[in-house]
């Protein structure tokens, strides 16, 4: 099975004057394993919360399978 399972395009999240996640883009194809790594406080959990729809106020586009979630996530 081929195709993009998850696409994250230019996703950003700002709280007050602080950029938490800034212009993140990547794609994961079916059957591929992807890992987010980085130091504490760099936005890994926030990005996952945005993808899951648990955090509001983000900008960018997230596509899961054929369902797209647009600008004002």
C-alpha atoms as a PDB file:
ATOM      1  CA  UNK A   1       0.000   0.000   0.000  1.00  0.00           C
ATOM      2  CA  UNK A   2       1.493   3.356  -1.007  1.00  0.00           C
ATOM      3  CA  UNK A   3       0.525   6.947  -0.449  1.00  0.00           C
ATOM      4  CA  UNK A   4       0.878   9.596   2.204  1.00  0.00           C
ATOM      5  CA  UNK A   5      -0.601   8.621   5.566  1.00  0.00           C
ATOM      6  CA  UNK A   6       0.185  11.936   7.304  1.00  0.00           C
ATOM      7  CA  UNK A   7       1.225  15.278   5.889  1.00  0.00           C
ATOM      8  CA  UNK A   8       2.105  18.273   8.054  1.00  0.00           C
ATOM      9  CA  UNK A   9       2.632  21.498   6.116  1.00  0.00           C
ATOM     10  CA  UNK A  10       3.910  24.769   7.614  1.00  0.00           C
ATOM     11  CA  UNK A  11       2.391  24.162  11.068  1.00  0.00           C
ATOM     12  CA  UNK A  12       3.053  26.818  13.702  1.00  0.00           C
ATOM     13  CA  UNK A  13       1.767  27.423  17.235  1.00  0.00           C
ATOM     14  CA  UNK A  14       2.295  30.584  19.246  1.00  0.00           C
ATOM     15  CA  UNK A  15       1.349  31.211  22.867  1.00  0.00           C
ATOM     16  CA  UNK A  16       1.497  34.876  23.786  1.00  0.00           C
ATOM     17  CA  UNK A  17       4.770  36.212  22.386  1.00  0.00           C
ATOM     18  CA  UNK A  18       6.465  32.785  22.341  1.00  0.00           C
ATOM     19  CA  UNK A  19       6.703  30.536  19.267  1.00  0.00           C
ATOM     20  CA  UNK A  20       6.197  26.965  20.485  1.00  0.00           C
ATOM     21  CA  UNK A  21       6.217  25.256  17.070  1.00  0.00           C
ATOM     22  CA  UNK A  22       7.429  27.217  14.058  1.00  0.00           C
ATOM     23  CA  UNK A  23       6.859  26.295  10.375  1.00  0.00           C
ATOM     24  CA  UNK A  24       7.118  22.481  10.702  1.00  0.00           C
ATOM     25  CA  UNK A  25       6.571  20.417   7.541  1.00  0.00           C
ATOM     26  CA  UNK A  26       6.962  16.683   6.881  1.00  0.00           C
ATOM     27  CA  UNK A  27       5.161  13.720   5.339  1.00  0.00           C
ATOM     28  CA  UNK A  28       4.902  10.104   6.430  1.00  0.00           C
ATOM     29  CA  UNK A  29       4.002   7.505   3.804  1.00  0.00           C
ATOM     30  CA  UNK A  30       2.083   4.312   4.522  1.00  0.00           C
ATOM     31  CA  UNK A  31       4.314   1.704   6.143  1.00  0.00           C
ATOM     32  CA  UNK A  32       6.940   4.263   7.184  1.00  0.00           C
ATOM     33  CA  UNK A  33       7.968   4.825  10.799  1.00  0.00           C
ATOM     34  CA  UNK A  34       8.686   8.373  11.942  1.00  0.00           C
ATOM     35  CA  UNK A  35      10.162   9.548  15.229  1.00  0.00           C
ATOM     36  CA  UNK A  36      10.204  13.061  16.716  1.00  0.00           C
ATOM     37  CA  UNK A  37      13.366  13.729  18.706  1.00  0.00           C
ATOM     38  CA  UNK A  38      14.749  16.835  20.348  1.00  0.00           C
ATOM     39  CA  UNK A  39      15.565  18.426  23.663  1.00  0.00           C
ATOM     40  CA  UNK A  40      13.044  19.124  26.386  1.00  0.00           C
ATOM     41  CA  UNK A  41      10.846  22.088  25.572  1.00  0.00           C
ATOM     42  CA  UNK A  42      11.406  22.131  21.802  1.00  0.00           C
ATOM     43  CA  UNK A  43       7.714  21.480  20.908  1.00  0.00           C
ATOM     44  CA  UNK A  44       7.513  17.713  20.279  1.00  0.00           C
ATOM     45  CA  UNK A  45       4.481  17.149  22.510  1.00  0.00           C
ATOM     46  CA  UNK A  46       2.799  20.333  21.307  1.00  0.00           C
ATOM     47  CA  UNK A  47       3.187  19.220  17.690  1.00  0.00           C
ATOM     48  CA  UNK A  48       1.672  15.821  18.507  1.00  0.00           C
ATOM     49  CA  UNK A  49      -1.210  17.528  20.337  1.00  0.00           C
ATOM     50  CA  UNK A  50      -1.834  19.730  17.270  1.00  0.00           C
ATOM     51  CA  UNK A  51      -1.858  16.674  14.979  1.00  0.00           C
ATOM     52  CA  UNK A  52      -4.274  14.891  17.330  1.00  0.00           C
ATOM     53  CA  UNK A  53      -6.551  17.951  17.418  1.00  0.00           C
ATOM     54  CA  UNK A  54      -6.060  18.538  21.155  1.00  0.00           C
ATOM     55  CA  UNK A  55      -4.437  21.986  20.797  1.00  0.00           C
ATOM     56  CA  UNK A  56      -6.178  24.881  19.060  1.00  0.00           C
ATOM     57  CA  UNK A  57      -4.775  28.084  17.647  1.00  0.00           C
ATOM     58  CA  UNK A  58      -2.241  26.546  15.279  1.00  0.00           C
ATOM     59  CA  UNK A  59      -1.741  27.541  11.657  1.00  0.00           C
ATOM     60  CA  UNK A  60      -0.832  25.348   8.701  1.00  0.00           C
ATOM     61  CA  UNK A  61      -2.348  22.259   7.147  1.00  0.00           C
ATOM     62  CA  UNK A  62      -2.515  18.674   8.394  1.00  0.00           C
ATOM     63  CA  UNK A  63      -3.707  15.845   6.159  1.00  0.00           C
ATOM     64  CA  UNK A  64      -4.438  12.415   7.637  1.00  0.00           C
ATOM     65  CA  UNK A  65      -5.120   9.942   4.853  1.00  0.00           C
ATOM     66  CA  UNK A  66      -7.563  11.814   2.638  1.00  0.00           C
ATOM     67  CA  UNK A  67      -8.936  14.117   5.376  1.00  0.00           C
ATOM     68  CA  UNK A  68      -7.464  17.617   5.423  1.00  0.00           C
ATOM     69  CA  UNK A  69      -7.531  20.000   8.350  1.00  0.00           C
ATOM     70  CA  UNK A  70      -6.809  23.511   7.069  1.00  0.00           C
ATOM     71  CA  UNK A  71      -5.570  26.889   8.263  1.00  0.00           C
ATOM     72  CA  UNK A  72      -7.219  27.737  11.626  1.00  0.00           C
ATOM     73  CA  UNK A  73      -6.593  24.272  13.067  1.00  0.00           C
END
